[in-house]
Amino acid sequence: MTRQRGMAELLLFLAASAIGIYAFGRGLAGFFGNPHADPWWLPVGFAALWVLAKQMARIQDRWPRRNRRNRPHRRPATTAARKRP
């Protein structure tokens, strides 16, 4: 990933987060005592949440994985007490 694309994804993440927080705050305000809640903001909030989920899924697919051959072999941890010799 290039630096320019990384910055663009960071800005997309920040913008979608801010829009989602604002939209859910406006859409769910009726539950918190504001008599003038605007439920039309809820689809905007869900769209922002969808953008964030798609971005996280794509980034997780590109996450570097450890190579099994390069890892040292470790014995599995046991919870049972070992016998003393």
N, C-alpha and C. Protein backbone atom coordinates (compact mmCIF):
# COMPACT_ATOMS: atom_id res chain seq x y z
N MET A 1 0.85 -1.17 0.00
CA MET A 1 0.00 0.00 0.00
C MET A 1 0.91 1.24 0.00
N THR A 2 0.55 2.17 -0.82
CA THR A 2 1.35 3.39 -0.90
C THR A 2 0.96 4.33 0.24
N ARG A 3 1.82 5.29 0.47
CA ARG A 3 1.56 6.26 1.54
C ARG A 3 0.32 7.09 1.24
N GLN A 4 0.13 7.44 -0.03
CA GLN A 4 -1.02 8.26 -0.41
C GLN A 4 -2.33 7.48 -0.20
N ARG A 5 -2.32 6.21 -0.55
CA ARG A 5 -3.53 5.40 -0.35
C ARG A 5 -3.80 5.19 1.13
N GLY A 6 -2.75 5.00 1.91
CA GLY A 6 -2.91 4.85 3.35
C GLY A 6 -3.51 6.09 3.99
N MET A 7 -3.07 7.27 3.55
CA MET A 7 -3.63 8.51 4.08
C MET A 7 -5.10 8.67 3.65
N ALA A 8 -5.41 8.27 2.41
CA ALA A 8 -6.79 8.35 1.94
C ALA A 8 -7.69 7.43 2.76
N GLU A 9 -7.21 6.23 3.09
CA GLU A 9 -8.01 5.31 3.89
C GLU A 9 -8.18 5.82 5.32
N LEU A 10 -7.14 6.45 5.85
CA LEU A 10 -7.25 7.02 7.18
C LEU A 10 -8.29 8.14 7.20
N LEU A 11 -8.26 9.00 6.19
CA LEU A 11 -9.25 10.07 6.13
C LEU A 11 -10.67 9.52 5.93
N LEU A 12 -10.81 8.47 5.13
CA LEU A 12 -12.11 7.83 4.96
C LEU A 12 -12.61 7.26 6.28
N PHE A 13 -11.71 6.62 7.03
CA PHE A 13 -12.08 6.06 8.32
C PHE A 13 -12.53 7.15 9.29
N LEU A 14 -11.77 8.24 9.36
CA LEU A 14 -12.12 9.33 10.27
C LEU A 14 -13.43 10.00 9.87
N ALA A 15 -13.62 10.21 8.58
CA ALA A 15 -14.86 10.84 8.10
C ALA A 15 -16.06 9.95 8.36
N ALA A 16 -15.95 8.65 8.05
CA ALA A 16 -17.07 7.74 8.27
C ALA A 16 -17.38 7.62 9.76
N SER A 17 -16.35 7.63 10.60
CA SER A 17 -16.58 7.56 12.04
C SER A 17 -17.32 8.80 12.53
N ALA A 18 -16.86 9.97 12.10
CA ALA A 18 -17.49 11.22 12.54
C ALA A 18 -18.94 11.30 12.04
N ILE A 19 -19.16 10.95 10.79
CA ILE A 19 -20.52 10.99 10.24
C ILE A 19 -21.41 9.99 10.96
N GLY A 20 -20.91 8.81 11.24
CA GLY A 20 -21.70 7.79 11.93
C GLY A 20 -22.06 8.21 13.35
N ILE A 21 -21.10 8.78 14.07
CA ILE A 21 -21.37 9.23 15.44
C ILE A 21 -22.43 10.34 15.42
N TYR A 22 -22.27 11.29 14.52
CA TYR A 22 -23.23 12.39 14.43
C TYR A 22 -24.62 11.88 14.03
N ALA A 23 -24.64 10.98 13.04
CA ALA A 23 -25.93 10.48 12.54
C ALA A 23 -26.66 9.66 13.59
N PHE A 24 -25.95 8.78 14.30
CA PHE A 24 -26.62 8.00 15.34
C PHE A 24 -27.04 8.88 16.51
N GLY A 25 -26.25 9.91 16.79
CA GLY A 25 -26.63 10.85 17.84
C GLY A 25 -27.91 11.60 17.50
N ARG A 26 -28.03 12.03 16.24
CA ARG A 26 -29.25 12.73 15.81
C ARG A 26 -30.44 11.78 15.68
N GLY A 27 -30.18 10.59 15.18
CA GLY A 27 -31.28 9.64 14.95
C GLY A 27 -31.83 9.02 16.20
N LEU A 28 -30.99 8.83 17.21
CA LEU A 28 -31.43 8.18 18.45
C LEU A 28 -31.66 9.18 19.58
N ALA A 29 -31.71 10.46 19.26
CA ALA A 29 -31.87 11.48 20.30
C ALA A 29 -33.20 11.36 21.04
N GLY A 30 -34.22 10.81 20.40
CA GLY A 30 -35.51 10.65 21.05
C GLY A 30 -35.48 9.73 22.25
N PHE A 31 -34.55 8.78 22.25
CA PHE A 31 -34.43 7.87 23.39
C PHE A 31 -33.79 8.54 24.60
N PHE A 32 -33.15 9.68 24.38
CA PHE A 32 -32.40 10.34 25.45
C PHE A 32 -33.02 11.68 25.85
N GLY A 33 -34.30 11.85 25.61
CA GLY A 33 -35.00 13.01 26.12
C GLY A 33 -35.17 14.15 25.15
N ASN A 34 -34.59 14.11 23.99
CA ASN A 34 -34.77 15.18 23.01
C ASN A 34 -36.08 14.92 22.26
N PRO A 35 -37.05 15.81 22.36
CA PRO A 35 -38.34 15.55 21.70
C PRO A 35 -38.30 15.71 20.19
N HIS A 36 -37.23 16.25 19.64
CA HIS A 36 -37.17 16.52 18.20
C HIS A 36 -36.13 15.63 17.52
N ALA A 37 -36.20 14.36 17.76
CA ALA A 37 -35.26 13.44 17.11
C ALA A 37 -35.60 13.34 15.62
N ASP A 38 -34.59 13.12 14.83
CA ASP A 38 -34.77 13.01 13.38
C ASP A 38 -34.41 11.59 12.95
N PRO A 39 -35.40 10.71 12.77
CA PRO A 39 -35.08 9.32 12.43
C PRO A 39 -34.52 9.15 11.02
N TRP A 40 -34.55 10.18 10.21
CA TRP A 40 -33.97 10.08 8.86
C TRP A 40 -32.45 10.01 8.89
N TRP A 41 -31.84 10.29 10.04
CA TRP A 41 -30.39 10.18 10.17
C TRP A 41 -29.95 8.73 10.37
N LEU A 42 -30.86 7.86 10.78
CA LEU A 42 -30.47 6.46 11.04
C LEU A 42 -29.93 5.74 9.81
N PRO A 43 -30.53 5.88 8.63
CA PRO A 43 -29.92 5.23 7.46
C PRO A 43 -28.52 5.77 7.15
N VAL A 44 -28.29 7.04 7.42
CA VAL A 44 -26.96 7.61 7.22
C VAL A 44 -25.97 6.96 8.18
N GLY A 45 -26.38 6.76 9.41
CA GLY A 45 -25.52 6.10 10.40
C GLY A 45 -25.21 4.66 10.02
N PHE A 46 -26.22 3.95 9.52
CA PHE A 46 -25.98 2.57 9.11
C PHE A 46 -25.11 2.50 7.85
N ALA A 47 -25.22 3.48 6.97
CA ALA A 47 -24.34 3.53 5.80
C ALA A 47 -22.90 3.76 6.23
N ALA A 48 -22.69 4.64 7.20
CA ALA A 48 -21.33 4.88 7.70
C ALA A 48 -20.78 3.62 8.38
N LEU A 49 -21.63 2.93 9.12
CA LEU A 49 -21.21 1.68 9.76
C LEU A 49 -20.86 0.63 8.72
N TRP A 50 -21.61 0.57 7.63
CA TRP A 50 -21.32 -0.37 6.55
C TRP A 50 -19.98 -0.06 5.90
N VAL A 51 -19.68 1.23 5.68
CA VAL A 51 -18.40 1.62 5.10
C VAL A 51 -17.26 1.20 6.02
N LEU A 52 -17.41 1.41 7.31
CA LEU A 52 -16.37 1.01 8.26
C LEU A 52 -16.18 -0.50 8.28
N ALA A 53 -17.27 -1.25 8.24
CA ALA A 53 -17.17 -2.72 8.26
C ALA A 53 -16.47 -3.23 7.00
N LYS A 54 -16.81 -2.67 5.84
CA LYS A 54 -16.17 -3.09 4.61
C LYS A 54 -14.68 -2.77 4.63
N GLN A 55 -14.34 -1.61 5.16
CA GLN A 55 -12.93 -1.22 5.23
C GLN A 55 -12.16 -2.13 6.18
N MET A 56 -12.74 -2.47 7.31
CA MET A 56 -12.06 -3.35 8.26
C MET A 56 -11.91 -4.75 7.70
N ALA A 57 -12.91 -5.24 6.98
CA ALA A 57 -12.81 -6.58 6.40
C ALA A 57 -11.72 -6.63 5.34
N ARG A 58 -11.58 -5.60 4.56
CA ARG A 58 -10.56 -5.58 3.52
C ARG A 58 -9.17 -5.47 4.14
N ILE A 59 -9.03 -4.69 5.18
CA ILE A 59 -7.73 -4.55 5.83
C ILE A 59 -7.34 -5.86 6.52
N GLN A 60 -8.31 -6.55 7.11
CA GLN A 60 -8.01 -7.82 7.77
C GLN A 60 -7.55 -8.87 6.75
N ASP A 61 -8.09 -8.83 5.55
CA ASP A 61 -7.66 -9.76 4.51
C ASP A 61 -6.21 -9.53 4.12
N ARG A 62 -5.72 -8.32 4.25
CA ARG A 62 -4.35 -8.00 3.87
C ARG A 62 -3.39 -8.06 5.04
N TRP A 63 -3.86 -8.41 6.22
CA TRP A 63 -3.01 -8.42 7.41
C TRP A 63 -1.90 -9.44 7.23
N PRO A 64 -0.67 -9.07 7.57
CA PRO A 64 0.44 -10.03 7.38
C PRO A 64 0.29 -11.24 8.31
N ARG A 65 0.55 -12.38 7.78
CA ARG A 65 0.42 -13.61 8.55
C ARG A 65 1.82 -14.17 8.83
N ARG A 66 1.94 -14.81 9.98
CA ARG A 66 3.20 -15.45 10.31
C ARG A 66 3.32 -16.76 9.55
N ASN A 67 4.50 -17.04 9.13
CA ASN A 67 4.77 -18.28 8.43
C ASN A 67 4.95 -19.39 9.47
N ARG A 68 4.26 -20.49 9.32
CA ARG A 68 4.34 -21.57 10.30
C ARG A 68 5.74 -22.20 10.36
N ARG A 69 6.45 -22.18 9.26
CA ARG A 69 7.77 -22.80 9.25
C ARG A 69 8.78 -21.99 10.07
N ASN A 70 8.58 -20.69 10.19
CA ASN A 70 9.54 -19.84 10.89
C ASN A 70 9.29 -19.76 12.39
N ARG A 71 8.16 -20.25 12.85
CA ARG A 71 7.85 -20.20 14.27
C ARG A 71 8.52 -21.35 15.00
N PRO A 72 9.09 -21.07 16.18
CA PRO A 72 9.66 -22.18 16.95
C PRO A 72 8.56 -23.07 17.50
N HIS A 73 8.87 -24.36 17.61
CA HIS A 73 7.89 -25.32 18.13
C HIS A 73 7.82 -25.17 19.64
N ARG A 74 6.62 -24.99 20.14
CA ARG A 74 6.41 -24.86 21.59
C ARG A 74 5.50 -25.97 22.05
N ARG A 75 5.73 -26.42 23.26
CA ARG A 75 4.85 -27.42 23.84
C ARG A 75 3.57 -26.74 24.27
N PRO A 76 2.44 -27.40 24.12
CA PRO A 76 1.17 -26.78 24.54
C PRO A 76 1.11 -26.62 26.05
N ALA A 77 0.51 -25.57 26.49
CA ALA A 77 0.35 -25.33 27.92
C ALA A 77 -0.70 -26.29 28.47
N THR A 78 -0.45 -26.80 29.64
CA THR A 78 -1.40 -27.70 30.28
C THR A 78 -1.86 -27.08 31.58
N THR A 79 -3.06 -27.41 31.96
CA THR A 79 -3.59 -26.90 33.23
C THR A 79 -3.48 -27.93 34.34
N ALA A 80 -3.19 -29.18 33.99
CA ALA A 80 -3.07 -30.23 34.99
C ALA A 80 -1.71 -30.14 35.66
N ALA A 81 -1.69 -30.48 36.93
CA ALA A 81 -0.43 -30.47 37.67
C ALA A 81 0.45 -31.62 37.20
N ARG A 82 1.73 -31.36 37.10
CA ARG A 82 2.67 -32.41 36.69
C ARG A 82 3.14 -33.18 37.91
N LYS A 83 3.47 -34.46 37.68
CA LYS A 83 4.00 -35.28 38.76
C LYS A 83 5.44 -34.88 39.02
N ARG A 84 5.78 -34.85 40.28
CA ARG A 84 7.17 -34.57 40.64
C ARG A 84 7.95 -35.88 40.63
N PRO A 85 9.16 -35.85 40.12
CA PRO A 85 9.95 -37.10 40.08
C PRO A 85 10.46 -37.54 41.43
